[in-house]
Amino acid sequence: MAIVKVIEVIASSNSSFDDAVRSAVKEVSATVENIDSVYVKDFKVHVKDGEITSYGAICKVAFRVARGEHQTN
């Protein structure tokens, strides 16, 4: 049976929501293996002087947990 773990991350970009989500996947991939999917929970923008300054994405990243080689019975 496969075990799937989910972590929540917040990523941002100065250019787009798409870039923010891609940034989340890239950063999580640096330390987590076996990523299966990303659920985008929410979007947000930061605004200054009536202009959007950055885009944010709150993401739930799901990945399969690898079983250890040494198991006790």
C-alpha atoms as a PDB file:
ATOM      1  CA  MET A   1       0.000   0.000   0.000  1.00  0.00           C
ATOM      2  CA  ALA A   2       1.343   3.414  -0.934  1.00  0.00           C
ATOM      3  CA  ILE A   3       1.422   6.195   1.635  1.00  0.00           C
ATOM      4  CA  VAL A   4       0.990   9.756   0.398  1.00  0.00           C
ATOM      5  CA  LYS A   5       2.065  12.762   2.445  1.00  0.00           C
ATOM      6  CA  VAL A   6       0.823  16.309   1.845  1.00  0.00           C
ATOM      7  CA  ILE A   7       2.658  19.510   2.724  1.00  0.00           C
ATOM      8  CA  GLU A   8       1.429  23.051   2.291  1.00  0.00           C
ATOM      9  CA  VAL A   9       3.704  25.703   0.816  1.00  0.00           C
ATOM     10  CA  ILE A  10       3.352  29.342  -0.178  1.00  0.00           C
ATOM     11  CA  ALA A  11       5.192  30.539  -3.278  1.00  0.00           C
ATOM     12  CA  SER A  12       5.371  33.894  -4.982  1.00  0.00           C
ATOM     13  CA  SER A  13       6.362  35.444  -8.275  1.00  0.00           C
ATOM     14  CA  ASN A  14       6.690  38.945  -9.640  1.00  0.00           C
ATOM     15  CA  SER A  15       5.230  37.910 -13.008  1.00  0.00           C
ATOM     16  CA  SER A  16       2.239  35.517 -12.733  1.00  0.00           C
ATOM     17  CA  PHE A  17       0.256  32.910 -10.803  1.00  0.00           C
ATOM     18  CA  ASP A  18       1.557  30.242 -13.162  1.00  0.00           C
ATOM     19  CA  ASP A  19       5.124  31.196 -12.337  1.00  0.00           C
ATOM     20  CA  ALA A  20       4.339  31.113  -8.597  1.00  0.00           C
ATOM     21  CA  VAL A  21       3.010  27.531  -8.846  1.00  0.00           C
ATOM     22  CA  ARG A  22       6.005  26.456 -10.941  1.00  0.00           C
ATOM     23  CA  SER A  23       8.278  28.018  -8.321  1.00  0.00           C
ATOM     24  CA  ALA A  24       6.537  26.000  -5.581  1.00  0.00           C
ATOM     25  CA  VAL A  25       7.085  22.750  -7.479  1.00  0.00           C
ATOM     26  CA  LYS A  26      10.719  23.592  -8.230  1.00  0.00           C
ATOM     27  CA  GLU A  27      11.541  24.485  -4.620  1.00  0.00           C
ATOM     28  CA  VAL A  28       9.793  21.458  -3.109  1.00  0.00           C
ATOM     29  CA  SER A  29      11.422  19.176  -5.711  1.00  0.00           C
ATOM     30  CA  ALA A  30      14.833  20.233  -4.395  1.00  0.00           C
ATOM     31  CA  THR A  31      14.226  18.297  -1.151  1.00  0.00           C
ATOM     32  CA  VAL A  32      11.230  16.018  -1.789  1.00  0.00           C
ATOM     33  CA  GLU A  33      11.050  13.072  -4.173  1.00  0.00           C
ATOM     34  CA  ASN A  34       8.054  11.305  -5.728  1.00  0.00           C
ATOM     35  CA  ILE A  35       5.790  14.349  -6.105  1.00  0.00           C
ATOM     36  CA  ASP A  36       2.458  13.167  -7.509  1.00  0.00           C
ATOM     37  CA  SER A  37       0.321  16.294  -7.624  1.00  0.00           C
ATOM     38  CA  VAL A  38      -0.148  19.879  -6.551  1.00  0.00           C
ATOM     39  CA  TYR A  39      -3.503  21.239  -5.406  1.00  0.00           C
ATOM     40  CA  VAL A  40      -3.664  25.023  -5.578  1.00  0.00           C
ATOM     41  CA  LYS A  41      -5.601  25.968  -2.463  1.00  0.00           C
ATOM     42  CA  ASP A  42      -5.679  29.721  -2.954  1.00  0.00           C
ATOM     43  CA  PHE A  43      -4.286  32.635  -4.933  1.00  0.00           C
ATOM     44  CA  LYS A  44      -3.402  36.105  -3.706  1.00  0.00           C
ATOM     45  CA  VAL A  45      -1.717  39.269  -4.950  1.00  0.00           C
ATOM     46  CA  HIS A  46       0.154  42.034  -3.200  1.00  0.00           C
ATOM     47  CA  VAL A  47      -0.798  45.549  -4.258  1.00  0.00           C
ATOM     48  CA  LYS A  48       1.075  48.839  -3.936  1.00  0.00           C
ATOM     49  CA  ASP A  49      -0.208  52.179  -5.196  1.00  0.00           C
ATOM     50  CA  GLY A  50      -3.036  50.457  -7.060  1.00  0.00           C
ATOM     51  CA  GLU A  51      -0.714  48.095  -8.953  1.00  0.00           C
ATOM     52  CA  ILE A  52      -0.050  44.374  -8.472  1.00  0.00           C
ATOM     53  CA  THR A  53       3.482  43.904  -7.186  1.00  0.00           C
ATOM     54  CA  SER A  54       3.549  40.102  -6.754  1.00  0.00           C
ATOM     55  CA  TYR A  55       1.451  36.994  -7.219  1.00  0.00           C
ATOM     56  CA  GLY A  56       1.149  34.274  -4.596  1.00  0.00           C
ATOM     57  CA  ALA A  57      -0.093  30.696  -4.609  1.00  0.00           C
ATOM     58  CA  ILE A  58      -0.865  28.548  -1.582  1.00  0.00           C
ATOM     59  CA  CYS A  59      -0.244  24.970  -2.698  1.00  0.00           C
ATOM     60  CA  LYS A  60      -0.732  21.517  -1.207  1.00  0.00           C
ATOM     61  CA  VAL A  61       1.978  19.234  -2.582  1.00  0.00           C
ATOM     62  CA  ALA A  62       1.305  15.477  -2.447  1.00  0.00           C
ATOM     63  CA  PHE A  63       4.107  12.933  -2.666  1.00  0.00           C
ATOM     64  CA  ARG A  64       4.540   9.193  -2.145  1.00  0.00           C
ATOM     65  CA  VAL A  65       6.523   8.175   0.913  1.00  0.00           C
ATOM     66  CA  ALA A  66       9.243   5.663   0.060  1.00  0.00           C
ATOM     67  CA  ARG A  67       9.482   2.631   2.329  1.00  0.00           C
ATOM     68  CA  GLY A  68      12.788   2.159   4.114  1.00  0.00           C
ATOM     69  CA  GLU A  69      15.061  -0.729   3.207  1.00  0.00           C
ATOM     70  CA  HIS A  70      15.318  -1.861   6.819  1.00  0.00           C
ATOM     71  CA  GLN A  71      11.986  -2.936   8.251  1.00  0.00           C
ATOM     72  CA  THR A  72      11.310  -4.668  11.543  1.00  0.00           C
ATOM     73  CA  ASN A  73       8.676  -7.366  11.792  1.00  0.00           C
END
